[in-house]
């Protein structure tokens, strides 16, 4: 395995997502879950047991996909949601 690992990629993207420039792009970031998944993926690659070519590739889901289903819930927990 090369020097680039799923864990290294996840850490870099988490740092980027929390920067002032990009922070507003994410409604929620589950840092602990992302790191746990990246560590597990890195271990699978080391053992030669990757789940497939996309094992360890981080994915962000566009918020508008969830808006139609969860807008009432979001407004309940964060009344200023639309002001963001």
C-alpha atoms as a PDB file:
ATOM      1  CA  UNK A   1       0.000   0.000   0.000  1.00  0.00           C
ATOM      2  CA  UNK A   2       1.207   3.495  -0.798  1.00  0.00           C
ATOM      3  CA  UNK A   3       1.514   6.341   1.653  1.00  0.00           C
ATOM      4  CA  UNK A   4      -1.997   7.662   0.963  1.00  0.00           C
ATOM      5  CA  UNK A   5      -4.528   5.895   3.163  1.00  0.00           C
ATOM      6  CA  UNK A   6      -8.274   6.273   3.736  1.00  0.00           C
ATOM      7  CA  UNK A   7      -7.426   7.655   7.183  1.00  0.00           C
ATOM      8  CA  UNK A   8      -5.068  10.304   5.767  1.00  0.00           C
ATOM      9  CA  UNK A   9      -7.686  11.355   3.220  1.00  0.00           C
ATOM     10  CA  UNK A  10     -10.446  11.516   5.852  1.00  0.00           C
ATOM     11  CA  UNK A  11      -8.298  13.609   8.205  1.00  0.00           C
ATOM     12  CA  UNK A  12      -7.419  16.045   5.414  1.00  0.00           C
ATOM     13  CA  UNK A  13     -11.043  16.396   4.299  1.00  0.00           C
ATOM     14  CA  UNK A  14     -12.288  16.829   7.875  1.00  0.00           C
ATOM     15  CA  UNK A  15      -9.754  19.611   8.388  1.00  0.00           C
ATOM     16  CA  UNK A  16     -10.868  21.225   5.138  1.00  0.00           C
ATOM     17  CA  UNK A  17     -14.571  20.890   5.975  1.00  0.00           C
ATOM     18  CA  UNK A  18     -14.062  22.690   9.274  1.00  0.00           C
ATOM     19  CA  UNK A  19     -12.162  25.600   7.732  1.00  0.00           C
ATOM     20  CA  UNK A  20     -13.933  28.971   7.693  1.00  0.00           C
ATOM     21  CA  UNK A  21     -14.248  28.888   3.909  1.00  0.00           C
ATOM     22  CA  UNK A  22     -16.015  25.507   3.761  1.00  0.00           C
ATOM     23  CA  UNK A  23     -17.724  25.205   7.150  1.00  0.00           C
ATOM     24  CA  UNK A  24     -21.021  26.596   5.864  1.00  0.00           C
ATOM     25  CA  UNK A  25     -21.214  23.844   3.240  1.00  0.00           C
ATOM     26  CA  UNK A  26     -21.988  21.148   5.809  1.00  0.00           C
ATOM     27  CA  UNK A  27     -25.039  20.995   8.058  1.00  0.00           C
ATOM     28  CA  UNK A  28     -23.589  18.076   9.994  1.00  0.00           C
ATOM     29  CA  UNK A  29     -20.196  16.366  10.095  1.00  0.00           C
ATOM     30  CA  UNK A  30     -19.922  13.150  12.078  1.00  0.00           C
ATOM     31  CA  UNK A  31     -16.185  13.366  12.701  1.00  0.00           C
ATOM     32  CA  UNK A  32     -15.924  10.360  15.040  1.00  0.00           C
ATOM     33  CA  UNK A  33     -17.847   8.108  12.648  1.00  0.00           C
ATOM     34  CA  UNK A  34     -15.812   9.267   9.650  1.00  0.00           C
ATOM     35  CA  UNK A  35     -12.525   8.587  11.457  1.00  0.00           C
ATOM     36  CA  UNK A  36     -13.677   5.183  12.734  1.00  0.00           C
ATOM     37  CA  UNK A  37     -14.742   4.133   9.226  1.00  0.00           C
ATOM     38  CA  UNK A  38     -11.484   5.430   7.738  1.00  0.00           C
ATOM     39  CA  UNK A  39      -9.395   3.546  10.316  1.00  0.00           C
ATOM     40  CA  UNK A  40     -11.307   0.336   9.585  1.00  0.00           C
ATOM     41  CA  UNK A  41     -10.873   0.832   5.840  1.00  0.00           C
ATOM     42  CA  UNK A  42      -7.156   1.502   6.227  1.00  0.00           C
ATOM     43  CA  UNK A  43      -6.821  -1.733   8.207  1.00  0.00           C
ATOM     44  CA  UNK A  44      -8.709  -3.690   5.529  1.00  0.00           C
ATOM     45  CA  UNK A  45      -6.348  -2.347   2.845  1.00  0.00           C
ATOM     46  CA  UNK A  46      -3.311  -3.325   4.951  1.00  0.00           C
ATOM     47  CA  UNK A  47      -4.738  -6.849   5.254  1.00  0.00           C
ATOM     48  CA  UNK A  48      -5.574  -7.020   1.533  1.00  0.00           C
ATOM     49  CA  UNK A  49      -9.289  -7.281   2.322  1.00  0.00           C
ATOM     50  CA  UNK A  50     -10.692  -4.019   0.906  1.00  0.00           C
ATOM     51  CA  UNK A  51     -14.447  -4.212   0.281  1.00  0.00           C
ATOM     52  CA  UNK A  52     -14.014  -2.859  -3.245  1.00  0.00           C
ATOM     53  CA  UNK A  53     -12.503  -0.010  -5.232  1.00  0.00           C
ATOM     54  CA  UNK A  54     -14.518   2.605  -3.324  1.00  0.00           C
ATOM     55  CA  UNK A  55     -13.696   1.286   0.155  1.00  0.00           C
ATOM     56  CA  UNK A  56     -12.505   4.288   2.128  1.00  0.00           C
ATOM     57  CA  UNK A  57     -13.683   6.937  -0.342  1.00  0.00           C
ATOM     58  CA  UNK A  58     -15.430   9.703   1.646  1.00  0.00           C
ATOM     59  CA  UNK A  59     -18.872  10.821   0.469  1.00  0.00           C
ATOM     60  CA  UNK A  60     -20.849  13.947   1.338  1.00  0.00           C
ATOM     61  CA  UNK A  61     -24.607  13.974   0.714  1.00  0.00           C
ATOM     62  CA  UNK A  62     -26.112  17.170  -0.631  1.00  0.00           C
ATOM     63  CA  UNK A  63     -28.442  18.644   1.982  1.00  0.00           C
ATOM     64  CA  UNK A  64     -31.282  19.387  -0.412  1.00  0.00           C
ATOM     65  CA  UNK A  65     -31.847  15.661  -0.838  1.00  0.00           C
ATOM     66  CA  UNK A  66     -32.847  15.513   2.798  1.00  0.00           C
ATOM     67  CA  UNK A  67     -34.716  18.832   2.898  1.00  0.00           C
ATOM     68  CA  UNK A  68     -37.957  17.436   1.531  1.00  0.00           C
ATOM     69  CA  UNK A  69     -37.990  14.732   4.214  1.00  0.00           C
ATOM     70  CA  UNK A  70     -36.460  16.415   7.228  1.00  0.00           C
ATOM     71  CA  UNK A  71     -37.207  20.141   6.909  1.00  0.00           C
ATOM     72  CA  UNK A  72     -39.773  20.055   9.733  1.00  0.00           C
ATOM     73  CA  UNK A  73     -37.323  18.240  11.986  1.00  0.00           C
ATOM     74  CA  UNK A  74     -34.479  20.647  11.178  1.00  0.00           C
ATOM     75  CA  UNK A  75     -36.729  23.646  11.815  1.00  0.00           C
ATOM     76  CA  UNK A  76     -37.686  22.130  15.165  1.00  0.00           C
ATOM     77  CA  UNK A  77     -34.118  21.683  16.366  1.00  0.00           C
ATOM     78  CA  UNK A  78     -32.710  24.789  14.671  1.00  0.00           C
ATOM     79  CA  UNK A  79     -35.247  27.596  14.115  1.00  0.00           C
ATOM     80  CA  UNK A  80     -32.559  29.678  12.381  1.00  0.00           C
ATOM     81  CA  UNK A  81     -31.960  26.975   9.729  1.00  0.00           C
ATOM     82  CA  UNK A  82     -33.265  29.114   6.850  1.00  0.00           C
ATOM     83  CA  UNK A  83     -31.116  32.050   7.992  1.00  0.00           C
ATOM     84  CA  UNK A  84     -27.915  30.059   7.452  1.00  0.00           C
END
